[in-house]
Amino acid sequence: MGKKKNVTFDDIARFTKFSKTTISRFFNDPDSLTLENQEIISDALEKLDYQENKVARILANGKTEFIGVVIPNLFNDYYSEMLNQILLTYETFGYKFLVFVGDEQEEIERRYIKELLAYKIEGLIILSYTIPSLELAQLQLPIVTIEREDEHVCSVNTDNYLGAIQATSLLAEQGCDILIHVNSSVPSNLPAYGRIRGFLDTCQKKNLQHRIIYKPFESTYALTQKYLQETLDELEADCRGLKKGLFVSNDTHANVLLNLLVRKYGTLPDDYLIVGFDNSPIATQAVIPISTVGQQIDKIAHEAVSLLVELMNERKKRKPAPLKEPIHRVVPPVLIRRETTGE
């Protein structure tokens, strides 16, 4: 068989009897044509079996249709599921993604962002938290962040404070003698700090015995297991005989904690209740399904890409309206009861 001939703008123009300029406008500025003419050209493309040359189009109009994504790690199931949901938005918005995993190292992430800019990305989604939002804002690029410090950039976050109230209240309702929140030492300017504040406020309001255990969690299984084993050793020594309600900062850590208990006792003991946070797939895949605060990851991902597309479209206008202040959107959490709280 002979090599298939690439259909050119000349071919389309001859077929439709439009000028090459009109054909070019169809690809680069379709709204400048009437709907009738758009339909004529679209029908012609189908009949001619036209395959668009993406590289040529990028060179012609400078629009790459690429969005950059920087995430801290793929160990935490929340980040891997968020990335999955972001990628799924291609069918809705038509943007492709260039993804870098920063490994929570500031200079590496700066280098990755510099490389993304070299690829002429049209916008950027940042989940990593090492680079201050003021520095990100100076990139002069549409940016949306998720669950990180966001004073100077647009963002989409969970209502972490409400989620913590939901988790803490559930454990209190189950008659726990002491409530424990397991977390890293989160700075107060991060949205996730709301989990700590919501836990403390709820315990104080309800006059509940409580404590917070801070551990310097790392993005590896071995270190996470080490710190959570230390946590269990502390609880076994200090809270023996008490019904313990554990609110863990994310489902990945909640699952590791659950596995440690199951290895020791063969099941989840009656004096331990566990609630995680985020509702990543690991919460349902765990050996005992984990109760959790669902962040509605699919909605956050869709909202983040949707907001970024709004910002990018505004930037493409002949006279774009400057953003007076960053846009911050909040998605409410949903409490999901499973077997680790006796459901």
Protein backbone atom coordinates (compact mmCIF):
# COMPACT_ATOMS: atom_id res chain seq x y z
CA MET A 1 0.00 0.00 0.00
CA GLY A 2 1.18 3.48 -0.80
CA LYS A 3 1.90 5.97 1.96
CA LYS A 4 -1.21 7.92 2.96
CA LYS A 5 -1.07 11.56 1.83
CA ASN A 6 -1.31 14.19 4.55
CA VAL A 7 -4.27 16.50 4.04
CA THR A 8 -3.15 20.13 3.86
CA PHE A 9 -4.92 23.47 4.27
CA ASP A 10 -4.78 23.74 0.44
CA ASP A 11 -6.74 20.49 0.15
CA ILE A 12 -9.36 21.67 2.63
CA ALA A 13 -9.65 25.05 0.90
CA ARG A 14 -10.19 23.42 -2.51
CA PHE A 15 -12.75 21.00 -1.09
CA THR A 16 -14.78 23.68 0.69
CA LYS A 17 -14.08 26.49 -1.84
CA PHE A 18 -12.99 28.70 1.08
CA SER A 19 -9.71 30.61 1.18
CA LYS A 20 -6.70 29.27 3.11
CA THR A 21 -7.12 32.26 5.43
CA THR A 22 -10.63 31.11 6.32
CA ILE A 23 -9.38 27.58 6.97
CA SER A 24 -6.63 28.97 9.22
CA ARG A 25 -9.22 31.00 11.15
CA PHE A 26 -11.23 27.81 11.71
CA PHE A 27 -8.30 26.29 13.60
CA ASN A 28 -6.98 29.37 15.38
CA ASP A 29 -10.04 31.57 15.92
CA PRO A 30 -13.20 29.55 15.12
CA ASP A 31 -15.53 32.10 16.75
CA SER A 32 -14.63 34.53 13.95
CA LEU A 33 -16.56 32.29 11.53
CA THR A 34 -20.29 31.73 11.29
CA LEU A 35 -21.63 28.47 12.72
CA GLU A 36 -22.67 27.47 9.20
CA ASN A 37 -19.11 27.87 7.86
CA GLN A 38 -17.68 26.07 10.88
CA GLU A 39 -19.98 23.13 10.17
CA ILE A 40 -18.99 23.08 6.46
CA ILE A 41 -15.29 22.93 7.32
CA SER A 42 -15.82 20.40 10.11
CA ASP A 43 -17.73 18.15 7.71
CA ALA A 44 -14.94 18.50 5.15
CA LEU A 45 -12.31 17.46 7.71
CA GLU A 46 -14.26 14.30 8.40
CA LYS A 47 -14.70 13.45 4.71
CA LEU A 48 -11.04 14.12 3.95
CA ASP A 49 -9.94 12.10 7.03
CA TYR A 50 -7.86 15.07 8.19
CA GLN A 51 -5.24 14.37 10.89
CA GLU A 52 -4.15 17.56 12.60
CA ASN A 53 -0.44 18.31 12.78
CA LYS A 54 -0.19 19.36 16.42
CA VAL A 55 3.41 20.51 16.15
CA ALA A 56 2.61 22.79 13.21
CA ARG A 57 -0.32 24.26 15.08
CA ILE A 58 1.85 25.03 18.13
CA LEU A 59 4.41 26.74 15.90
CA ALA A 60 1.66 28.73 14.21
CA ASN A 61 -0.19 30.09 17.23
CA GLY A 62 2.15 29.48 20.16
CA LYS A 63 -0.53 27.61 22.12
CA THR A 64 0.78 24.27 23.35
CA GLU A 65 -2.37 23.09 25.16
CA PHE A 66 0.00 21.83 27.89
CA ILE A 67 -0.52 22.28 31.62
CA GLY A 68 2.34 21.61 34.03
CA VAL A 69 1.74 19.68 37.26
CA VAL A 70 4.15 19.47 40.21
CA ILE A 71 3.35 17.08 43.06
CA PRO A 72 5.40 16.25 46.18
CA ASN A 73 5.45 12.44 45.91
CA LEU A 74 3.53 9.37 44.76
CA PHE A 75 3.84 7.48 48.05
CA ASN A 76 0.87 9.26 49.57
CA ASP A 77 -2.22 7.79 47.92
CA TYR A 78 -3.93 11.19 48.02
CA TYR A 79 -1.40 12.65 45.57
CA SER A 80 -1.49 9.69 43.20
CA GLU A 81 -5.30 9.72 43.12
CA MET A 82 -5.40 13.51 42.68
CA LEU A 83 -3.01 13.18 39.74
CA ASN A 84 -5.20 10.44 38.28
CA GLN A 85 -8.28 12.65 38.52
CA ILE A 86 -6.46 15.65 37.03
CA LEU A 87 -5.38 13.57 34.03
CA LEU A 88 -8.95 12.40 33.53
CA THR A 89 -10.06 16.00 32.88
CA TYR A 90 -8.49 15.80 29.39
CA GLU A 91 -11.78 14.52 28.00
CA THR A 92 -13.57 17.61 29.37
CA PHE A 93 -11.08 20.40 28.78
CA GLY A 94 -8.72 19.04 26.10
CA TYR A 95 -5.51 20.04 27.88
CA LYS A 96 -2.55 17.68 28.16
CA PHE A 97 -0.30 17.47 31.21
CA LEU A 98 3.43 17.44 31.86
CA VAL A 99 4.00 16.01 35.34
CA PHE A 100 7.00 16.27 37.66
CA VAL A 101 7.40 14.72 41.11
CA GLY A 102 9.41 17.15 43.23
CA ASP A 103 10.21 14.74 46.07
CA GLU A 104 9.55 17.66 48.47
CA GLN A 105 12.87 19.30 47.58
CA GLU A 106 12.69 23.02 46.92
CA GLU A 107 15.59 23.41 44.49
CA ILE A 108 14.58 20.35 42.49
CA GLU A 109 11.06 21.76 42.13
CA ARG A 110 12.43 25.12 40.99
CA ARG A 111 14.42 23.32 38.30
CA TYR A 112 11.35 21.35 37.22
CA ILE A 113 9.24 24.50 36.98
CA LYS A 114 11.95 26.15 34.88
CA GLU A 115 11.88 23.15 32.54
CA LEU A 116 8.08 23.27 32.33
CA LEU A 117 8.25 26.94 31.34
CA ALA A 118 10.70 26.00 28.59
CA TYR A 119 8.01 23.73 27.18
CA LYS A 120 5.73 26.80 26.92
CA ILE A 121 3.06 25.43 29.23
CA GLU A 122 -0.09 27.56 29.33
CA GLY A 123 -0.77 27.04 33.03
CA LEU A 124 0.48 25.30 36.15
CA ILE A 125 -1.09 23.19 38.91
CA ILE A 126 0.98 22.93 42.07
CA LEU A 127 0.39 20.47 44.91
CA SER A 128 3.93 20.68 46.31
CA TYR A 129 4.36 23.10 49.18
CA THR A 130 8.08 23.91 49.24
CA ILE A 131 8.06 27.08 47.09
CA PRO A 132 6.27 30.13 48.59
CA SER A 133 3.19 31.35 46.75
CA LEU A 134 4.71 34.82 46.39
CA GLU A 135 7.53 33.32 44.32
CA LEU A 136 5.04 31.34 42.24
CA ALA A 137 2.98 34.47 41.57
CA GLN A 138 6.04 36.16 40.09
CA LEU A 139 6.16 33.58 37.29
CA GLN A 140 3.46 35.61 35.49
CA LEU A 141 1.64 32.42 34.51
CA PRO A 142 -1.87 31.21 35.34
CA ILE A 143 -1.43 29.05 38.46
CA VAL A 144 -3.80 27.07 40.66
CA THR A 145 -2.60 25.31 43.80
CA ILE A 146 -4.21 22.48 45.73
CA GLU A 147 -3.89 22.01 49.51
CA ARG A 148 -0.87 24.23 50.10
CA GLU A 149 -0.01 27.79 51.13
CA ASP A 150 -1.88 30.02 48.66
CA GLU A 151 -1.84 33.64 49.81
CA HIS A 152 -0.66 35.02 46.46
CA VAL A 153 -2.07 32.47 43.97
CA CYS A 154 -5.45 30.95 43.14
CA SER A 155 -6.33 27.69 44.84
CA VAL A 156 -8.81 24.89 45.38
CA ASN A 157 -8.82 23.26 48.81
CA THR A 158 -10.84 21.06 51.12
CA ASP A 159 -12.55 22.53 54.15
CA ASN A 160 -10.01 20.82 56.41
CA TYR A 161 -11.41 22.37 59.58
CA LEU A 162 -14.89 20.98 58.94
CA GLY A 163 -13.40 17.59 58.07
CA ALA A 164 -11.55 17.47 61.38
CA ILE A 165 -14.76 18.28 63.25
CA GLN A 166 -16.51 15.44 61.42
CA ALA A 167 -13.76 12.92 62.22
CA THR A 168 -13.39 13.96 65.85
CA SER A 169 -17.14 14.01 66.46
CA LEU A 170 -17.50 10.50 65.00
CA LEU A 171 -14.89 9.12 67.40
CA ALA A 172 -16.53 10.93 70.31
CA GLU A 173 -19.92 9.46 69.40
CA GLN A 174 -18.39 5.97 69.52
CA GLY A 175 -17.58 6.41 73.22
CA CYS A 176 -13.81 6.64 73.04
CA ASP A 177 -12.08 7.37 76.35
CA ILE A 178 -9.31 9.37 74.70
CA LEU A 179 -8.96 10.90 71.25
CA ILE A 180 -5.59 11.06 69.52
CA HIS A 181 -4.66 13.02 66.43
CA VAL A 182 -1.61 11.74 64.54
CA ASN A 183 0.01 14.29 62.25
CA SER A 184 3.22 16.05 61.30
CA SER A 185 3.91 19.52 62.64
CA VAL A 186 1.94 21.44 60.01
CA PRO A 187 2.57 25.20 59.63
CA SER A 188 -0.50 27.31 60.38
CA ASN A 189 -0.52 28.85 56.87
CA LEU A 190 -1.22 25.47 55.20
CA PRO A 191 -4.85 24.40 54.66
CA ALA A 192 -4.08 21.05 56.34
CA TYR A 193 -3.48 22.89 59.62
CA GLY A 194 -7.27 23.04 59.81
CA ARG A 195 -7.19 19.32 60.71
CA ILE A 196 -5.21 20.09 63.86
CA ARG A 197 -7.26 23.14 64.79
CA GLY A 198 -10.59 21.39 64.15
CA PHE A 199 -9.50 18.44 66.31
CA LEU A 200 -8.41 20.68 69.19
CA ASP A 201 -11.48 22.94 69.04
CA THR A 202 -13.87 19.96 69.00
CA CYS A 203 -12.14 18.21 71.91
CA GLN A 204 -12.10 21.38 73.99
CA LYS A 205 -15.71 22.22 73.18
CA LYS A 206 -16.88 18.71 74.12
CA ASN A 207 -14.47 18.51 77.08
CA LEU A 208 -12.86 15.33 75.71
CA GLN A 209 -9.60 13.80 76.88
CA HIS A 210 -7.20 14.16 73.99
CA ARG A 211 -3.64 14.42 72.77
CA ILE A 212 -1.79 15.15 69.54
CA ILE A 213 1.16 13.02 68.48
CA TYR A 214 3.46 14.80 66.04
CA LYS A 215 5.85 12.76 63.93
CA PRO A 216 8.23 13.98 61.16
CA PHE A 217 6.65 11.79 58.49
CA GLU A 218 8.66 11.22 55.32
CA SER A 219 7.55 10.12 51.86
CA THR A 220 8.77 6.52 52.24
CA TYR A 221 7.03 3.46 53.60
CA ALA A 222 9.93 2.42 55.86
CA LEU A 223 10.11 5.72 57.74
CA THR A 224 6.33 6.05 57.94
CA GLN A 225 6.12 2.56 59.44
CA LYS A 226 8.90 3.41 61.91
CA TYR A 227 7.17 6.55 63.19
CA LEU A 228 3.76 4.90 63.41
CA GLN A 229 5.23 1.95 65.31
CA GLU A 230 6.64 4.49 67.77
CA THR A 231 3.16 6.02 68.00
CA LEU A 232 1.60 2.66 68.83
CA ASP A 233 4.29 1.93 71.41
CA GLU A 234 3.47 5.25 73.12
CA LEU A 235 -0.25 4.48 73.15
CA GLU A 236 0.26 0.94 74.41
CA ALA A 237 2.32 2.30 77.30
CA ASP A 238 0.26 5.41 78.17
CA CYS A 239 -3.32 4.47 77.32
CA ARG A 240 -3.61 0.81 78.27
CA GLY A 241 -7.19 -0.15 79.08
CA LEU A 242 -8.64 2.96 77.41
CA LYS A 243 -10.76 2.97 74.27
CA LYS A 244 -8.63 4.95 71.84
CA GLY A 245 -10.02 6.95 68.93
CA LEU A 246 -7.30 7.75 66.39
CA PHE A 247 -7.80 10.52 63.87
CA VAL A 248 -4.91 10.09 61.40
CA SER A 249 -3.95 12.92 59.05
CA ASN A 250 -4.31 10.87 55.83
CA ASP A 251 -5.47 7.47 54.62
CA THR A 252 -1.98 6.28 53.66
CA HIS A 253 -0.76 6.65 57.24
CA ALA A 254 -4.05 5.31 58.61
CA ASN A 255 -3.55 2.16 56.53
CA VAL A 256 0.03 1.66 57.75
CA LEU A 257 -1.18 2.08 61.33
CA LEU A 258 -3.99 -0.40 60.73
CA ASN A 259 -1.57 -2.95 59.26
CA LEU A 260 0.69 -2.69 62.31
CA LEU A 261 -2.24 -3.39 64.62
CA VAL A 262 -3.50 -6.31 62.51
CA ARG A 263 -0.02 -7.86 62.41
CA LYS A 264 0.20 -7.70 66.19
CA TYR A 265 -3.34 -8.72 67.16
CA GLY A 266 -4.65 -10.54 64.08
CA THR A 267 -7.43 -7.97 63.75
CA LEU A 268 -8.26 -4.40 64.77
CA PRO A 269 -8.65 -4.58 68.57
CA ASP A 270 -11.91 -3.35 70.11
CA ASP A 271 -10.07 -0.61 72.01
CA TYR A 272 -8.81 1.04 68.78
CA LEU A 273 -10.96 3.05 66.37
CA ILE A 274 -9.40 4.72 63.32
CA VAL A 275 -10.50 7.57 61.05
CA GLY A 276 -8.32 8.70 58.16
CA PHE A 277 -8.53 11.71 55.85
CA ASP A 278 -8.91 12.07 52.05
CA ASN A 279 -10.79 8.91 50.91
CA SER A 280 -8.08 7.81 48.50
CA PRO A 281 -8.49 4.27 47.09
CA ILE A 282 -6.37 2.74 49.88
CA ALA A 283 -9.19 3.44 52.36
CA THR A 284 -11.45 0.90 50.66
CA GLN A 285 -8.62 -1.47 49.65
CA ALA A 286 -7.29 -1.83 53.22
CA VAL A 287 -7.52 -5.19 54.96
CA ILE A 288 -10.28 -3.59 57.05
CA PRO A 289 -11.98 -0.70 55.17
CA ILE A 290 -11.07 2.58 56.85
CA SER A 291 -13.50 5.27 57.95
CA THR A 292 -12.36 8.58 56.53
CA VAL A 293 -13.10 12.18 55.73
CA GLY A 294 -13.63 12.22 51.98
CA GLN A 295 -12.04 15.19 50.26
CA GLN A 296 -14.03 14.56 47.06
CA ILE A 297 -10.79 14.32 45.13
CA ASP A 298 -12.55 14.11 41.77
CA LYS A 299 -14.38 17.38 42.41
CA ILE A 300 -11.23 19.15 43.61
CA ALA A 301 -9.31 18.04 40.50
CA HIS A 302 -12.11 19.11 38.17
CA GLU A 303 -12.51 22.45 39.96
CA ALA A 304 -8.76 23.11 39.85
CA VAL A 305 -8.48 22.46 36.10
CA SER A 306 -11.70 24.39 35.44
CA LEU A 307 -10.41 27.42 37.36
CA LEU A 308 -7.05 27.22 35.58
CA VAL A 309 -8.79 27.10 32.17
CA GLU A 310 -10.75 30.23 33.15
CA LEU A 311 -7.50 32.01 33.99
CA MET A 312 -5.80 30.84 30.79
CA ASN A 313 -8.74 31.85 28.60
CA GLU A 314 -8.79 35.31 30.15
CA ARG A 315 -5.08 35.66 29.49
CA LYS A 316 -5.63 34.87 25.78
CA LYS A 317 -8.02 37.78 25.29
CA ARG A 318 -6.89 40.85 23.40
CA LYS A 319 -7.39 42.94 26.55
CA PRO A 320 -7.31 40.53 29.51
CA ALA A 321 -8.78 41.80 32.77
CA PRO A 322 -6.15 41.68 35.54
CA LEU A 323 -7.08 39.54 38.53
CA LYS A 324 -7.68 41.87 41.48
CA GLU A 325 -6.96 39.17 44.04
CA PRO A 326 -6.43 35.40 44.03
CA ILE A 327 -9.51 33.19 43.75
CA HIS A 328 -9.84 30.59 46.52
CA ARG A 329 -12.45 27.87 46.12
CA VAL A 330 -13.32 25.37 48.83
CA VAL A 331 -14.86 21.91 48.35
CA PRO A 332 -16.72 20.55 51.41
CA PRO A 333 -15.65 17.17 52.83
CA VAL A 334 -17.91 14.15 53.28
CA LEU A 335 -17.60 11.82 56.28
CA ILE A 336 -17.51 8.16 55.21
CA ARG A 337 -18.11 5.54 57.89
CA ARG A 338 -16.52 2.12 57.44
CA GLU A 339 -15.43 -0.80 59.59
CA THR A 340 -12.59 0.84 61.55
CA THR A 341 -15.17 2.78 63.57
CA GLY A 342 -17.44 -0.18 64.14
CA GLU A 343 -19.79 0.50 61.23
